[in-house]
Amino acid sequence: MKATPIFALVNSGQQLADFPALHSIEAGLYVPAVDSCSAAVRASYDQTSANYLPVKYNAVPLSGQVLSSLQDITIPVGPGGAFYALDYNLAAIIPNLRVVLSVAQTAPRTLCMVAKWD
């Protein structure tokens, strides 16, 4: 498998980073130093903004709790950069991925998605 970085710019005052990754498996998300926030993962089969929906997963409940609903995938990011591994089982079916930062950035930021192709 060939791993390829896909870069997306989040402009100053903006919150969105779009990653077109058709026929790939998203392996990880590199987030440089950003304003402290969370990053929500959205997915779509096309790049029309109205079609991006939250990516959800079955969270493992704490001992004694009942799983009542699916959870949105959100990643706590900042301050400082980090590389976040994504679950292949979730990411394998996502042709277009959008990362929505919860806070508008005070300066331009470049996020990087690492995707693998056969």
PDB file of N, CA and C in Angstrom:
ATOM      1  N   MET A   1       0.834  -1.185   0.000  1.00  0.00           N
ATOM      2  CA  MET A   1       0.000   0.000   0.000  1.00  0.00           C
ATOM      3  C   MET A   1       0.875   1.243   0.000  1.00  0.00           C
ATOM      4  N   LYS A   2       0.448   2.215  -0.736  1.00  0.00           N
ATOM      5  CA  LYS A   2       1.186   3.471  -0.827  1.00  0.00           C
ATOM      6  C   LYS A   2       0.521   4.507   0.078  1.00  0.00           C
ATOM      7  N   ALA A   3       1.269   5.083   1.001  1.00  0.00           N
ATOM      8  CA  ALA A   3       0.747   6.137   1.881  1.00  0.00           C
ATOM      9  C   ALA A   3       1.046   7.496   1.255  1.00  0.00           C
ATOM     10  N   THR A   4       0.039   8.349   1.216  1.00  0.00           N
ATOM     11  CA  THR A   4       0.162   9.664   0.600  1.00  0.00           C
ATOM     12  C   THR A   4      -0.414  10.725   1.527  1.00  0.00           C
ATOM     13  N   PRO A   5       0.329  11.808   1.755  1.00  0.00           N
ATOM     14  CA  PRO A   5      -0.253  12.901   2.550  1.00  0.00           C
ATOM     15  C   PRO A   5      -1.171  13.762   1.690  1.00  0.00           C
ATOM     16  N   ILE A   6      -2.301  14.162   2.260  1.00  0.00           N
ATOM     17  CA  ILE A   6      -3.229  15.090   1.610  1.00  0.00           C
ATOM     18  C   ILE A   6      -3.313  16.308   2.516  1.00  0.00           C
ATOM     19  N   PHE A   7      -2.989  17.472   1.973  1.00  0.00           N
ATOM     20  CA  PHE A   7      -2.961  18.694   2.783  1.00  0.00           C
ATOM     21  C   PHE A   7      -4.223  19.516   2.567  1.00  0.00           C
ATOM     22  N   ALA A   8      -4.680  20.171   3.627  1.00  0.00           N
ATOM     23  CA  ALA A   8      -5.837  21.060   3.541  1.00  0.00           C
ATOM     24  C   ALA A   8      -5.561  22.292   4.392  1.00  0.00           C
ATOM     25  N   LEU A   9      -5.832  23.449   3.827  1.00  0.00           N
ATOM     26  CA  LEU A   9      -5.594  24.712   4.520  1.00  0.00           C
ATOM     27  C   LEU A   9      -6.865  25.168   5.236  1.00  0.00           C
ATOM     28  N   VAL A  10      -6.699  25.542   6.497  1.00  0.00           N
ATOM     29  CA  VAL A  10      -7.771  26.197   7.249  1.00  0.00           C
ATOM     30  C   VAL A  10      -7.376  27.662   7.304  1.00  0.00           C
ATOM     31  N   ASN A  11      -8.086  28.509   6.573  1.00  0.00           N
ATOM     32  CA  ASN A  11      -7.753  29.934   6.520  1.00  0.00           C
ATOM     33  C   ASN A  11      -7.988  30.606   7.857  1.00  0.00           C
ATOM     34  N   SER A  12      -7.338  31.724   8.059  1.00  0.00           N
ATOM     35  CA  SER A  12      -7.543  32.514   9.269  1.00  0.00           C
ATOM     36  C   SER A  12      -9.018  32.881   9.391  1.00  0.00           C
ATOM     37  N   GLY A  13      -9.591  32.669  10.564  1.00  0.00           N
ATOM     38  CA  GLY A  13     -10.994  32.961  10.790  1.00  0.00           C
ATOM     39  C   GLY A  13     -11.942  31.854  10.344  1.00  0.00           C
ATOM     40  N   GLN A  14     -11.389  30.742   9.847  1.00  0.00           N
ATOM     41  CA  GLN A  14     -12.216  29.640   9.350  1.00  0.00           C
ATOM     42  C   GLN A  14     -12.083  28.408  10.242  1.00  0.00           C
ATOM     43  N   GLN A  15     -12.881  27.363   9.937  1.00  0.00           N
ATOM     44  CA  GLN A  15     -12.910  26.164  10.764  1.00  0.00           C
ATOM     45  C   GLN A  15     -12.872  24.865   9.973  1.00  0.00           C
ATOM     46  N   LEU A  16     -12.890  24.894   8.632  1.00  0.00           N
ATOM     47  CA  LEU A  16     -13.053  23.685   7.834  1.00  0.00           C
ATOM     48  C   LEU A  16     -11.791  23.274   7.102  1.00  0.00           C
ATOM     49  N   ALA A  17     -11.559  21.951   7.062  1.00  0.00           N
ATOM     50  CA  ALA A  17     -10.501  21.359   6.246  1.00  0.00           C
ATOM     51  C   ALA A  17     -11.112  20.169   5.515  1.00  0.00           C
ATOM     52  N   ASP A  18     -11.095  20.187   4.175  1.00  0.00           N
ATOM     53  CA  ASP A  18     -11.674  19.108   3.369  1.00  0.00           C
ATOM     54  C   ASP A  18     -10.572  18.254   2.772  1.00  0.00           C
ATOM     55  N   PHE A  19     -10.768  16.925   2.829  1.00  0.00           N
ATOM     56  CA  PHE A  19      -9.798  15.969   2.305  1.00  0.00           C
ATOM     57  C   PHE A  19     -10.484  15.030   1.320  1.00  0.00           C
ATOM     58  N   PRO A  20     -10.276  15.208  -0.008  1.00  0.00           N
ATOM     59  CA  PRO A  20     -10.802  14.245  -0.967  1.00  0.00           C
ATOM     60  C   PRO A  20      -9.900  13.010  -0.974  1.00  0.00           C
ATOM     61  N   ALA A  21     -10.449  11.872  -0.640  1.00  0.00           N
ATOM     62  CA  ALA A  21      -9.634  10.658  -0.530  1.00  0.00           C
ATOM     63  C   ALA A  21     -10.382   9.446  -1.075  1.00  0.00           C
ATOM     64  N   LEU A  22     -10.941   9.583  -2.271  1.00  0.00           N
ATOM     65  CA  LEU A  22     -11.728   8.514  -2.878  1.00  0.00           C
ATOM     66  C   LEU A  22     -10.878   7.261  -3.060  1.00  0.00           C
ATOM     67  N   HIS A  23     -11.431   6.113  -2.704  1.00  0.00           N
ATOM     68  CA  HIS A  23     -10.792   4.799  -2.826  1.00  0.00           C
ATOM     69  C   HIS A  23      -9.555   4.661  -1.942  1.00  0.00           C
ATOM     70  N   SER A  24      -9.521   5.353  -0.833  1.00  0.00           N
ATOM     71  CA  SER A  24      -8.368   5.245   0.064  1.00  0.00           C
ATOM     72  C   SER A  24      -8.819   4.777   1.440  1.00  0.00           C
ATOM     73  N   ILE A  25      -7.847   4.516   2.269  1.00  0.00           N
ATOM     74  CA  ILE A  25      -8.085   4.214   3.678  1.00  0.00           C
ATOM     75  C   ILE A  25      -7.356   5.300   4.454  1.00  0.00           C
ATOM     76  N   GLU A  26      -8.105   6.124   5.167  1.00  0.00           N
ATOM     77  CA  GLU A  26      -7.491   7.208   5.923  1.00  0.00           C
ATOM     78  C   GLU A  26      -6.826   6.616   7.163  1.00  0.00           C
ATOM     79  N   ALA A  27      -5.528   6.861   7.307  1.00  0.00           N
ATOM     80  CA  ALA A  27      -4.765   6.246   8.383  1.00  0.00           C
ATOM     81  C   ALA A  27      -4.571   7.168   9.574  1.00  0.00           C
ATOM     82  N   GLY A  28      -4.451   8.459   9.331  1.00  0.00           N
ATOM     83  CA  GLY A  28      -4.186   9.364  10.441  1.00  0.00           C
ATOM     84  C   GLY A  28      -4.355  10.814  10.048  1.00  0.00           C
ATOM     85  N   LEU A  29      -4.456  11.647  11.063  1.00  0.00           N
ATOM     86  CA  LEU A  29      -4.624  13.084  10.869  1.00  0.00           C
ATOM     87  C   LEU A  29      -3.528  13.800  11.642  1.00  0.00           C
ATOM     88  N   TYR A  30      -2.719  14.595  10.924  1.00  0.00           N
ATOM     89  CA  TYR A  30      -1.694  15.411  11.563  1.00  0.00           C
ATOM     90  C   TYR A  30      -2.254  16.806  11.766  1.00  0.00           C
ATOM     91  N   VAL A  31      -2.246  17.258  13.005  1.00  0.00           N
ATOM     92  CA  VAL A  31      -2.731  18.594  13.334  1.00  0.00           C
ATOM     93  C   VAL A  31      -1.569  19.366  13.945  1.00  0.00           C
ATOM     94  N   PRO A  32      -1.108  20.440  13.286  1.00  0.00           N
ATOM     95  CA  PRO A  32      -0.029  21.242  13.861  1.00  0.00           C
ATOM     96  C   PRO A  32      -0.572  22.068  15.029  1.00  0.00           C
ATOM     97  N   ALA A  33       0.230  22.924  15.551  1.00  0.00           N
ATOM     98  CA  ALA A  33      -0.228  23.799  16.641  1.00  0.00           C
ATOM     99  C   ALA A  33      -1.425  24.604  16.161  1.00  0.00           C
ATOM    100  N   VAL A  34      -2.541  24.441  16.843  1.00  0.00           N
ATOM    101  CA  VAL A  34      -3.766  25.172  16.514  1.00  0.00           C
ATOM    102  C   VAL A  34      -4.279  25.836  17.780  1.00  0.00           C
ATOM    103  N   ASP A  35      -5.238  26.758  17.600  1.00  0.00           N
ATOM    104  CA  ASP A  35      -5.909  27.311  18.769  1.00  0.00           C
ATOM    105  C   ASP A  35      -6.638  26.158  19.455  1.00  0.00           C
ATOM    106  N   SER A  36      -6.574  26.093  20.763  1.00  0.00           N
ATOM    107  CA  SER A  36      -7.148  24.990  21.517  1.00  0.00           C
ATOM    108  C   SER A  36      -8.626  24.799  21.163  1.00  0.00           C
ATOM    109  N   CYS A  37      -8.977  23.586  20.718  1.00  0.00           N
ATOM    110  CA  CYS A  37     -10.338  23.316  20.286  1.00  0.00           C
ATOM    111  C   CYS A  37     -10.529  21.813  20.143  1.00  0.00           C
ATOM    112  N   SER A  38     -11.649  21.423  19.601  1.00  0.00           N
ATOM    113  CA  SER A  38     -11.859  20.030  19.244  1.00  0.00           C
ATOM    114  C   SER A  38     -12.082  19.961  17.740  1.00  0.00           C
ATOM    115  N   ALA A  39     -11.811  18.791  17.172  1.00  0.00           N
ATOM    116  CA  ALA A  39     -11.984  18.581  15.742  1.00  0.00           C
ATOM    117  C   ALA A  39     -13.027  17.492  15.543  1.00  0.00           C
ATOM    118  N   ALA A  40     -14.111  17.823  14.875  1.00  0.00           N
ATOM    119  CA  ALA A  40     -15.159  16.851  14.583  1.00  0.00           C
ATOM    120  C   ALA A  40     -14.939  16.295  13.181  1.00  0.00           C
ATOM    121  N   VAL A  41     -15.167  15.000  13.019  1.00  0.00           N
ATOM    122  CA  VAL A  41     -14.972  14.349  11.730  1.00  0.00           C
ATOM    123  C   VAL A  41     -16.326  14.194  11.049  1.00  0.00           C
ATOM    124  N   ARG A  42     -16.400  14.651   9.791  1.00  0.00           N
ATOM    125  CA  ARG A  42     -17.610  14.553   8.972  1.00  0.00           C
ATOM    126  C   ARG A  42     -17.254  13.811   7.689  1.00  0.00           C
ATOM    127  N   ALA A  43     -18.237  13.183   7.061  1.00  0.00           N
ATOM    128  CA  ALA A  43     -17.983  12.415   5.842  1.00  0.00           C
ATOM    129  C   ALA A  43     -19.086  12.645   4.826  1.00  0.00           C
ATOM    130  N   SER A  44     -18.723  12.446   3.543  1.00  0.00           N
ATOM    131  CA  SER A  44     -19.694  12.600   2.464  1.00  0.00           C
ATOM    132  C   SER A  44     -19.234  11.797   1.258  1.00  0.00           C
ATOM    133  N   TYR A  45     -20.207  11.391   0.423  1.00  0.00           N
ATOM    134  CA  TYR A  45     -19.856  10.707  -0.819  1.00  0.00           C
ATOM    135  C   TYR A  45     -19.559  11.678  -1.940  1.00  0.00           C
ATOM    136  N   ASP A  46     -19.947  12.943  -1.783  1.00  0.00           N
ATOM    137  CA  ASP A  46     -19.553  13.970  -2.742  1.00  0.00           C
ATOM    138  C   ASP A  46     -19.086  15.195  -1.949  1.00  0.00           C
ATOM    139  N   GLN A  47     -18.643  16.213  -2.644  1.00  0.00           N
ATOM    140  CA  GLN A  47     -18.054  17.355  -1.954  1.00  0.00           C
ATOM    141  C   GLN A  47     -19.024  18.509  -1.766  1.00  0.00           C
ATOM    142  N   THR A  48     -20.323  18.243  -1.849  1.00  0.00           N
ATOM    143  CA  THR A  48     -21.320  19.268  -1.579  1.00  0.00           C
ATOM    144  C   THR A  48     -21.427  19.443  -0.076  1.00  0.00           C
ATOM    145  N   SER A  49     -21.237  20.663   0.399  1.00  0.00           N
ATOM    146  CA  SER A  49     -21.150  20.884   1.844  1.00  0.00           C
ATOM    147  C   SER A  49     -22.391  20.449   2.607  1.00  0.00           C
ATOM    148  N   ALA A  50     -23.554  20.484   1.976  1.00  0.00           N
ATOM    149  CA  ALA A  50     -24.778  20.098   2.674  1.00  0.00           C
ATOM    150  C   ALA A  50     -24.830  18.600   2.949  1.00  0.00           C
ATOM    151  N   ASN A  51     -24.006  17.829   2.279  1.00  0.00           N
ATOM    152  CA  ASN A  51     -24.049  16.379   2.423  1.00  0.00           C
ATOM    153  C   ASN A  51     -23.060  15.823   3.441  1.00  0.00           C
ATOM    154  N   TYR A  52     -22.270  16.655   4.091  1.00  0.00           N
ATOM    155  CA  TYR A  52     -21.321  16.165   5.086  1.00  0.00           C
ATOM    156  C   TYR A  52     -22.067  15.854   6.383  1.00  0.00           C
ATOM    157  N   LEU A  53     -21.962  14.616   6.843  1.00  0.00           N
ATOM    158  CA  LEU A  53     -22.656  14.161   8.039  1.00  0.00           C
ATOM    159  C   LEU A  53     -21.653  13.705   9.090  1.00  0.00           C
ATOM    160  N   PRO A  54     -22.025  13.741  10.373  1.00  0.00           N
ATOM    161  CA  PRO A  54     -21.110  13.290  11.422  1.00  0.00           C
ATOM    162  C   PRO A  54     -20.757  11.807  11.262  1.00  0.00           C
ATOM    163  N   VAL A  55     -19.499  11.467  11.510  1.00  0.00           N
ATOM    164  CA  VAL A  55     -19.078  10.068  11.545  1.00  0.00           C
ATOM    165  C   VAL A  55     -19.283   9.603  12.982  1.00  0.00           C
ATOM    166  N   LYS A  56     -20.001   8.515  13.155  1.00  0.00           N
ATOM    167  CA  LYS A  56     -20.338   8.024  14.490  1.00  0.00           C
ATOM    168  C   LYS A  56     -19.726   6.654  14.712  1.00  0.00           C
ATOM    169  N   TYR A  57     -19.589   6.271  15.971  1.00  0.00           N
ATOM    170  CA  TYR A  57     -19.058   4.967  16.321  1.00  0.00           C
ATOM    171  C   TYR A  57     -19.729   4.482  17.596  1.00  0.00           C
ATOM    172  N   ASN A  58     -19.629   3.189  17.842  1.00  0.00           N
ATOM    173  CA  ASN A  58     -20.148   2.606  19.078  1.00  0.00           C
ATOM    174  C   ASN A  58     -19.104   2.782  20.163  1.00  0.00           C
ATOM    175  N   ALA A  59     -19.353   3.688  21.070  1.00  0.00           N
ATOM    176  CA  ALA A  59     -18.432   3.904  22.181  1.00  0.00           C
ATOM    177  C   ALA A  59     -18.596   2.765  23.176  1.00  0.00           C
ATOM    178  N   VAL A  60     -17.496   2.329  23.736  1.00  0.00           N
ATOM    179  CA  VAL A  60     -17.556   1.292  24.769  1.00  0.00           C
ATOM    180  C   VAL A  60     -17.980   1.962  26.063  1.00  0.00           C
ATOM    181  N   PRO A  61     -19.132   1.565  26.623  1.00  0.00           N
ATOM    182  CA  PRO A  61     -19.592   2.222  27.844  1.00  0.00           C
ATOM    183  C   PRO A  61     -18.731   1.861  29.041  1.00  0.00           C
ATOM    184  N   LEU A  62     -18.697   2.749  30.009  1.00  0.00           N
ATOM    185  CA  LEU A  62     -17.989   2.473  31.252  1.00  0.00           C
ATOM    186  C   LEU A  62     -18.705   1.361  31.991  1.00  0.00           C
ATOM    187  N   SER A  63     -18.017   0.734  32.885  1.00  0.00           N
ATOM    188  CA  SER A  63     -18.590  -0.370  33.651  1.00  0.00           C
ATOM    189  C   SER A  63     -19.913   0.037  34.292  1.00  0.00           C
ATOM    190  N   GLY A  64     -20.938  -0.768  34.071  1.00  0.00           N
ATOM    191  CA  GLY A  64     -22.235  -0.508  34.670  1.00  0.00           C
ATOM    192  C   GLY A  64     -23.118   0.426  33.876  1.00  0.00           C
ATOM    193  N   GLN A  65     -22.613   0.991  32.775  1.00  0.00           N
ATOM    194  CA  GLN A  65     -23.423   1.884  31.957  1.00  0.00           C
ATOM    195  C   GLN A  65     -23.989   1.142  30.760  1.00  0.00           C
ATOM    196  N   VAL A  66     -25.081   1.639  30.245  1.00  0.00           N
ATOM    197  CA  VAL A  66     -25.729   1.051  29.078  1.00  0.00           C
ATOM    198  C   VAL A  66     -25.442   1.942  27.876  1.00  0.00           C
ATOM    199  N   LEU A  67     -25.092   1.312  26.754  1.00  0.00           N
ATOM    200  CA  LEU A  67     -24.874   2.070  25.524  1.00  0.00           C
ATOM    201  C   LEU A  67     -26.221   2.578  25.025  1.00  0.00           C
ATOM    202  N   SER A  68     -26.414   3.881  25.043  1.00  0.00           N
ATOM    203  CA  SER A  68     -27.706   4.448  24.683  1.00  0.00           C
ATOM    204  C   SER A  68     -27.729   5.032  23.275  1.00  0.00           C
ATOM    205  N   SER A  69     -26.585   5.423  22.756  1.00  0.00           N
ATOM    206  CA  SER A  69     -26.574   5.988  21.415  1.00  0.00           C
ATOM    207  C   SER A  69     -25.159   5.956  20.857  1.00  0.00           C
ATOM    208  N   LEU A  70     -25.067   6.177  19.573  1.00  0.00           N
ATOM    209  CA  LEU A  70     -23.766   6.270  18.923  1.00  0.00           C
ATOM    210  C   LEU A  70     -23.141   7.616  19.253  1.00  0.00           C
ATOM    211  N   GLN A  71     -21.827   7.670  19.252  1.00  0.00           N
ATOM    212  CA  GLN A  71     -21.095   8.891  19.577  1.00  0.00           C
ATOM    213  C   GLN A  71     -20.454   9.469  18.322  1.00  0.00           C
ATOM    214  N   ASP A  72     -20.448  10.799  18.205  1.00  0.00           N
ATOM    215  CA  ASP A  72     -19.721  11.464  17.123  1.00  0.00           C
ATOM    216  C   ASP A  72     -18.227  11.319  17.374  1.00  0.00           C
ATOM    217  N   ILE A  73     -17.463  11.205  16.289  1.00  0.00           N
ATOM    218  CA  ILE A  73     -16.010  11.187  16.439  1.00  0.00           C
ATOM    219  C   ILE A  73     -15.533  12.628  16.566  1.00  0.00           C
ATOM    220  N   THR A  74     -15.000  12.965  17.709  1.00  0.00           N
ATOM    221  CA  THR A  74     -14.379  14.268  17.941  1.00  0.00           C
ATOM    222  C   THR A  74     -13.020  14.030  18.558  1.00  0.00           C
ATOM    223  N   ILE A  75     -12.078  14.867  18.177  1.00  0.00           N
ATOM    224  CA  ILE A  75     -10.697  14.741  18.640  1.00  0.00           C
ATOM    225  C   ILE A  75     -10.322  16.022  19.373  1.00  0.00           C
ATOM    226  N   PRO A  76      -9.913  15.947  20.635  1.00  0.00           N
ATOM    227  CA  PRO A  76      -9.442  17.154  21.311  1.00  0.00           C
ATOM    228  C   PRO A  76      -8.057  17.530  20.781  1.00  0.00           C
ATOM    229  N   VAL A  77      -7.911  18.730  20.230  1.00  0.00           N
ATOM    230  CA  VAL A  77      -6.636  19.160  19.644  1.00  0.00           C
ATOM    231  C   VAL A  77      -6.155  20.450  20.295  1.00  0.00           C
ATOM    232  N   GLY A  78      -4.858  20.711  20.161  1.00  0.00           N
ATOM    233  CA  GLY A  78      -4.242  21.935  20.640  1.00  0.00           C
ATOM    234  C   GLY A  78      -4.144  21.998  22.138  1.00  0.00           C
ATOM    235  N   PRO A  79      -3.410  22.882  22.703  1.00  0.00           N
ATOM    236  CA  PRO A  79      -2.312  23.583  22.017  1.00  0.00           C
ATOM    237  C   PRO A  79      -1.144  22.628  21.772  1.00  0.00           C
ATOM    238  N   GLY A  80      -0.388  22.877  20.756  1.00  0.00           N
ATOM    239  CA  GLY A  80       0.679  21.960  20.367  1.00  0.00           C
ATOM    240  C   GLY A  80       0.163  21.001  19.319  1.00  0.00           C
ATOM    241  N   GLY A  81       1.039  20.477  18.503  1.00  0.00           N
ATOM    242  CA  GLY A  81       0.640  19.583  17.434  1.00  0.00           C
ATOM    243  C   GLY A  81       0.603  18.138  17.874  1.00  0.00           C
ATOM    244  N   ALA A  82      -0.066  17.298  17.097  1.00  0.00           N
ATOM    245  CA  ALA A  82      -0.133  15.870  17.365  1.00  0.00           C
ATOM    246  C   ALA A  82      -0.550  15.141  16.094  1.00  0.00           C
ATOM    247  N   PHE A  83      -0.279  13.834  16.075  1.00  0.00           N
ATOM    248  CA  PHE A  83      -0.721  12.962  14.988  1.00  0.00           C
ATOM    249  C   PHE A  83      -1.746  12.012  15.585  1.00  0.00           C
ATOM    250  N   TYR A  84      -2.944  11.971  15.008  1.00  0.00           N
ATOM    251  CA  TYR A  84      -4.034  11.163  15.540  1.00  0.00           C
ATOM    252  C   TYR A  84      -4.287   9.988  14.605  1.00  0.00           C
ATOM    253  N   ALA A  85      -4.145   8.778  15.105  1.00  0.00           N
ATOM    254  CA  ALA A  85      -4.421   7.587  14.318  1.00  0.00           C
ATOM    255  C   ALA A  85      -5.927   7.419  14.186  1.00  0.00           C
ATOM    256  N   LEU A  86      -6.381   7.072  12.991  1.00  0.00           N
ATOM    257  CA  LEU A  86      -7.800   6.822  12.753  1.00  0.00           C
ATOM    258  C   LEU A  86      -8.029   5.326  12.624  1.00  0.00           C
ATOM    259  N   ASP A  87      -9.183   4.880  13.058  1.00  0.00           N
ATOM    260  CA  ASP A  87      -9.555   3.476  12.996  1.00  0.00           C
ATOM    261  C   ASP A  87      -9.847   3.092  11.550  1.00  0.00           C
ATOM    262  N   TYR A  88      -9.121   2.116  11.013  1.00  0.00           N
ATOM    263  CA  TYR A  88      -9.331   1.693   9.624  1.00  0.00           C
ATOM    264  C   TYR A  88     -10.763   1.244   9.369  1.00  0.00           C
ATOM    265  N   ASN A  89     -11.396   0.618  10.339  1.00  0.00           N
ATOM    266  CA  ASN A  89     -12.762   0.129  10.152  1.00  0.00           C
ATOM    267  C   ASN A  89     -13.732   1.278   9.892  1.00  0.00           C
ATOM    268  N   LEU A  90     -13.503   2.424  10.506  1.00  0.00           N
ATOM    269  CA  LEU A  90     -14.363   3.579  10.286  1.00  0.00           C
ATOM    270  C   LEU A  90     -14.001   4.317   9.012  1.00  0.00           C
ATOM    271  N   ALA A  91     -12.704   4.500   8.803  1.00  0.00           N
ATOM    272  CA  ALA A  91     -12.250   5.364   7.719  1.00  0.00           C
ATOM    273  C   ALA A  91     -12.282   4.688   6.353  1.00  0.00           C
ATOM    274  N   ALA A  92     -12.362   3.365   6.302  1.00  0.00           N
ATOM    275  CA  ALA A  92     -12.253   2.661   5.031  1.00  0.00           C
ATOM    276  C   ALA A  92     -13.370   2.998   4.057  1.00  0.00           C
ATOM    277  N   ILE A  93     -14.503   3.494   4.528  1.00  0.00           N
ATOM    278  CA  ILE A  93     -15.625   3.737   3.630  1.00  0.00           C
ATOM    279  C   ILE A  93     -15.845   5.218   3.321  1.00  0.00           C
ATOM    280  N   ILE A  94     -14.958   6.085   3.769  1.00  0.00           N
ATOM    281  CA  ILE A  94     -15.172   7.519   3.635  1.00  0.00           C
ATOM    282  C   ILE A  94     -14.424   8.065   2.416  1.00  0.00           C
ATOM    283  N   PRO A  95     -15.128   8.443   1.350  1.00  0.00           N
ATOM    284  CA  PRO A  95     -14.446   8.991   0.185  1.00  0.00           C
ATOM    285  C   PRO A  95     -14.066  10.464   0.332  1.00  0.00           C
ATOM    286  N   ASN A  96     -14.830  11.227   1.097  1.00  0.00           N
ATOM    287  CA  ASN A  96     -14.529  12.639   1.326  1.00  0.00           C
ATOM    288  C   ASN A  96     -14.653  12.898   2.821  1.00  0.00           C
ATOM    289  N   LEU A  97     -13.603  13.404   3.396  1.00  0.00           N
ATOM    290  CA  LEU A  97     -13.567  13.637   4.832  1.00  0.00           C
ATOM    291  C   LEU A  97     -13.443  15.127   5.092  1.00  0.00           C
ATOM    292  N   ARG A  98     -14.175  15.611   6.068  1.00  0.00           N
ATOM    293  CA  ARG A  98     -14.091  17.017   6.472  1.00  0.00           C
ATOM    294  C   ARG A  98     -13.785  17.053   7.962  1.00  0.00           C
ATOM    295  N   VAL A  99     -12.831  17.885   8.327  1.00  0.00           N
ATOM    296  CA  VAL A  99     -12.526  18.127   9.733  1.00  0.00           C
ATOM    297  C   VAL A  99     -13.043  19.512  10.067  1.00  0.00           C
ATOM    298  N   VAL A 100     -13.900  19.594  11.082  1.00  0.00           N
ATOM    299  CA  VAL A 100     -14.484  20.864  11.501  1.00  0.00           C
ATOM    300  C   VAL A 100     -13.909  21.218  12.867  1.00  0.00           C
ATOM    301  N   LEU A 101     -13.124  22.285  12.912  1.00  0.00           N
ATOM    302  CA  LEU A 101     -12.558  22.745  14.182  1.00  0.00           C
ATOM    303  C   LEU A 101     -13.620  23.548  14.926  1.00  0.00           C
ATOM    304  N   SER A 102     -13.706  23.364  16.235  1.00  0.00           N
ATOM    305  CA  SER A 102     -14.769  24.017  17.015  1.00  0.00           C
ATOM    306  C   SER A 102     -14.530  25.506  17.214  1.00  0.00           C
ATOM    307  N   VAL A 103     -13.319  25.974  16.933  1.00  0.00           N
ATOM    308  CA  VAL A 103     -12.970  27.383  17.120  1.00  0.00           C
ATOM    309  C   VAL A 103     -12.352  27.910  15.822  1.00  0.00           C
ATOM    310  N   ALA A 104     -12.795  29.067  15.370  1.00  0.00           N
ATOM    311  CA  ALA A 104     -12.175  29.699  14.202  1.00  0.00           C
ATOM    312  C   ALA A 104     -10.720  30.019  14.535  1.00  0.00           C
ATOM    313  N   GLN A 105      -9.827  29.721  13.616  1.00  0.00           N
ATOM    314  CA  GLN A 105      -8.401  29.878  13.868  1.00  0.00           C
ATOM    315  C   GLN A 105      -7.951  31.325  13.677  1.00  0.00           C
ATOM    316  N   THR A 106      -7.005  31.745  14.527  1.00  0.00           N
ATOM    317  CA  THR A 106      -6.515  33.121  14.466  1.00  0.00           C
ATOM    318  C   THR A 106      -5.451  33.310  13.398  1.00  0.00           C
ATOM    319  N   ALA A 107      -4.927  32.210  12.848  1.00  0.00           N
ATOM    320  CA  ALA A 107      -3.932  32.263  11.780  1.00  0.00           C
ATOM    321  C   ALA A 107      -4.169  31.066  10.859  1.00  0.00           C
ATOM    322  N   PRO A 108      -3.688  31.122   9.603  1.00  0.00           N
ATOM    323  CA  PRO A 108      -3.864  29.973   8.713  1.00  0.00           C
ATOM    324  C   PRO A 108      -3.181  28.727   9.282  1.00  0.00           C
ATOM    325  N   ARG A 109      -3.827  27.579   9.156  1.00  0.00           N
ATOM    326  CA  ARG A 109      -3.287  26.302   9.631  1.00  0.00           C
ATOM    327  C   ARG A 109      -3.393  25.292   8.496  1.00  0.00           C
ATOM    328  N   THR A 110      -2.392  24.450   8.351  1.00  0.00           N
ATOM    329  CA  THR A 110      -2.425  23.378   7.362  1.00  0.00           C
ATOM    330  C   THR A 110      -2.538  22.055   8.088  1.00  0.00           C
ATOM    331  N   LEU A 111      -3.630  21.330   7.838  1.00  0.00           N
ATOM    332  CA  LEU A 111      -3.811  19.999   8.384  1.00  0.00           C
ATOM    333  C   LEU A 111      -3.393  18.984   7.326  1.00  0.00           C
ATOM    334  N   CYS A 112      -3.004  17.798   7.755  1.00  0.00           N
ATOM    335  CA  CYS A 112      -2.549  16.770   6.824  1.00  0.00           C
ATOM    336  C   CYS A 112      -3.224  15.446   7.158  1.00  0.00           C
ATOM    337  N   MET A 113      -3.866  14.848   6.153  1.00  0.00           N
ATOM    338  CA  MET A 113      -4.440  13.524   6.287  1.00  0.00           C
ATOM    339  C   MET A 113      -3.508  12.545   5.597  1.00  0.00           C
ATOM    340  N   VAL A 114      -3.165  11.463   6.254  1.00  0.00           N
ATOM    341  CA  VAL A 114      -2.370  10.427   5.617  1.00  0.00           C
ATOM    342  C   VAL A 114      -3.337   9.355   5.147  1.00  0.00           C
ATOM    343  N   ALA A 115      -3.330   9.087   3.857  1.00  0.00           N
ATOM    344  CA  ALA A 115      -4.243   8.114   3.260  1.00  0.00           C
ATOM    345  C   ALA A 115      -3.429   7.036   2.552  1.00  0.00           C
ATOM    346  N   LYS A 116      -3.984   5.831   2.510  1.00  0.00           N
ATOM    347  CA  LYS A 116      -3.311   4.716   1.837  1.00  0.00           C
ATOM    348  C   LYS A 116      -4.164   4.240   0.670  1.00  0.00           C
ATOM    349  N   TRP A 117      -3.482   3.946  -0.426  1.00  0.00           N
ATOM    350  CA  TRP A 117      -4.117   3.370  -1.602  1.00  0.00           C
ATOM    351  C   TRP A 117      -3.444   2.051  -1.929  1.00  0.00           C
ATOM    352  N   ASP A 118      -4.211   1.115  -2.500  1.00  0.00           N
ATOM    353  CA  ASP A 118      -3.619  -0.166  -2.947  1.00  0.00           C
ATOM    354  C   ASP A 118      -2.787   0.052  -4.177  1.00  0.00           C
TER     355      ASP A 118
END
